[in-house]
Amino acid sequence: MTIRERLIRKIRSLPDDRLREVADFIDQLEARGGERPSLAEHGMGEYLTHLCTYEDMLAAGKIRWR
């Protein structure tokens, strides 16, 4: 069974009130056009850098998790 067939089967099993959510999600995917913004475009670039630094310090034993 292909992914398309599996998705169609799942969609058919959903109650009507949940189908609107699926339709909205599909609309969002189509609007994106396959392009995904980078983390920096979401203002997350600096956060990710700090998180990686924190994880490195934790792994090296320089800080401890409480």
C-alpha atoms as a PDB file:
ATOM      1  CA  MET A   1       0.000   0.000   0.000  1.00  0.00           C
ATOM      2  CA  THR A   2       1.436   3.392  -0.986  1.00  0.00           C
ATOM      3  CA  ILE A   3       1.617   6.398   1.313  1.00  0.00           C
ATOM      4  CA  ARG A   4      -1.126   8.038  -0.763  1.00  0.00           C
ATOM      5  CA  GLU A   5      -3.412   5.052  -0.252  1.00  0.00           C
ATOM      6  CA  ARG A   6      -2.690   4.976   3.476  1.00  0.00           C
ATOM      7  CA  LEU A   7      -3.421   8.681   3.817  1.00  0.00           C
ATOM      8  CA  ILE A   8      -6.658   8.387   1.865  1.00  0.00           C
ATOM      9  CA  ARG A   9      -7.739   5.520   4.094  1.00  0.00           C
ATOM     10  CA  LYS A  10      -6.986   7.542   7.222  1.00  0.00           C
ATOM     11  CA  ILE A  11      -8.777  10.621   5.887  1.00  0.00           C
ATOM     12  CA  ARG A  12     -11.854   8.558   5.070  1.00  0.00           C
ATOM     13  CA  SER A  13     -11.966   7.281   8.644  1.00  0.00           C
ATOM     14  CA  LEU A  14     -11.925  10.769  10.207  1.00  0.00           C
ATOM     15  CA  PRO A  15     -15.097  12.391  11.495  1.00  0.00           C
ATOM     16  CA  ASP A  16     -16.285  15.431   9.515  1.00  0.00           C
ATOM     17  CA  ASP A  17     -15.233  17.931  12.187  1.00  0.00           C
ATOM     18  CA  ARG A  18     -11.594  16.796  11.879  1.00  0.00           C
ATOM     19  CA  LEU A  19     -11.547  17.032   8.085  1.00  0.00           C
ATOM     20  CA  ARG A  20     -11.423  20.852   8.278  1.00  0.00           C
ATOM     21  CA  GLU A  21      -8.130  20.562  10.187  1.00  0.00           C
ATOM     22  CA  VAL A  22      -6.712  18.240   7.536  1.00  0.00           C
ATOM     23  CA  ALA A  23      -7.818  20.611   4.774  1.00  0.00           C
ATOM     24  CA  ASP A  24      -6.206  23.572   6.569  1.00  0.00           C
ATOM     25  CA  PHE A  25      -2.955  21.648   6.962  1.00  0.00           C
ATOM     26  CA  ILE A  26      -2.912  20.712   3.292  1.00  0.00           C
ATOM     27  CA  ASP A  27      -3.541  24.360   2.380  1.00  0.00           C
ATOM     28  CA  GLN A  28      -0.537  25.365   4.500  1.00  0.00           C
ATOM     29  CA  LEU A  29       1.659  22.793   2.780  1.00  0.00           C
ATOM     30  CA  GLU A  30       0.596  24.012  -0.634  1.00  0.00           C
ATOM     31  CA  ALA A  31       1.183  27.652   0.337  1.00  0.00           C
ATOM     32  CA  ARG A  32       4.724  26.857   1.448  1.00  0.00           C
ATOM     33  CA  GLY A  33       5.509  25.541  -1.987  1.00  0.00           C
ATOM     34  CA  GLY A  34       8.084  23.129  -0.616  1.00  0.00           C
ATOM     35  CA  GLU A  35      10.314  25.912   0.675  1.00  0.00           C
ATOM     36  CA  ARG A  36      11.228  25.743   4.337  1.00  0.00           C
ATOM     37  CA  PRO A  37      12.620  28.819   6.068  1.00  0.00           C
ATOM     38  CA  SER A  38      15.861  28.439   7.953  1.00  0.00           C
ATOM     39  CA  LEU A  39      15.989  28.600  11.729  1.00  0.00           C
ATOM     40  CA  ALA A  40      17.587  32.045  11.516  1.00  0.00           C
ATOM     41  CA  GLU A  41      14.565  33.328   9.603  1.00  0.00           C
ATOM     42  CA  HIS A  42      12.432  32.333  12.553  1.00  0.00           C
ATOM     43  CA  GLY A  43      14.771  34.077  14.991  1.00  0.00           C
ATOM     44  CA  MET A  44      15.974  30.723  16.268  1.00  0.00           C
ATOM     45  CA  GLY A  45      19.553  30.782  15.035  1.00  0.00           C
ATOM     46  CA  GLU A  46      20.984  32.369  18.176  1.00  0.00           C
ATOM     47  CA  TYR A  47      18.846  30.149  20.422  1.00  0.00           C
ATOM     48  CA  LEU A  48      20.146  27.022  18.705  1.00  0.00           C
ATOM     49  CA  THR A  49      23.732  28.169  19.176  1.00  0.00           C
ATOM     50  CA  HIS A  50      23.157  28.717  22.902  1.00  0.00           C
ATOM     51  CA  LEU A  51      21.416  25.361  23.218  1.00  0.00           C
ATOM     52  CA  CYS A  52      24.313  23.543  21.551  1.00  0.00           C
ATOM     53  CA  THR A  53      26.798  25.308  23.841  1.00  0.00           C
ATOM     54  CA  TYR A  54      24.728  24.344  26.877  1.00  0.00           C
ATOM     55  CA  GLU A  55      24.538  20.705  25.739  1.00  0.00           C
ATOM     56  CA  ASP A  56      28.317  20.621  25.214  1.00  0.00           C
ATOM     57  CA  MET A  57      28.931  22.029  28.704  1.00  0.00           C
ATOM     58  CA  LEU A  58      26.515  19.498  30.194  1.00  0.00           C
ATOM     59  CA  ALA A  59      28.203  16.599  28.365  1.00  0.00           C
ATOM     60  CA  ALA A  60      31.650  17.783  29.491  1.00  0.00           C
ATOM     61  CA  GLY A  61      30.529  17.870  33.126  1.00  0.00           C
ATOM     62  CA  LYS A  62      31.087  21.621  33.423  1.00  0.00           C
ATOM     63  CA  ILE A  63      27.498  22.050  34.573  1.00  0.00           C
ATOM     64  CA  ARG A  64      24.977  19.651  36.112  1.00  0.00           C
ATOM     65  CA  TRP A  65      21.300  19.055  35.529  1.00  0.00           C
ATOM     66  CA  ARG A  66      19.264  19.500  38.708  1.00  0.00           C
END
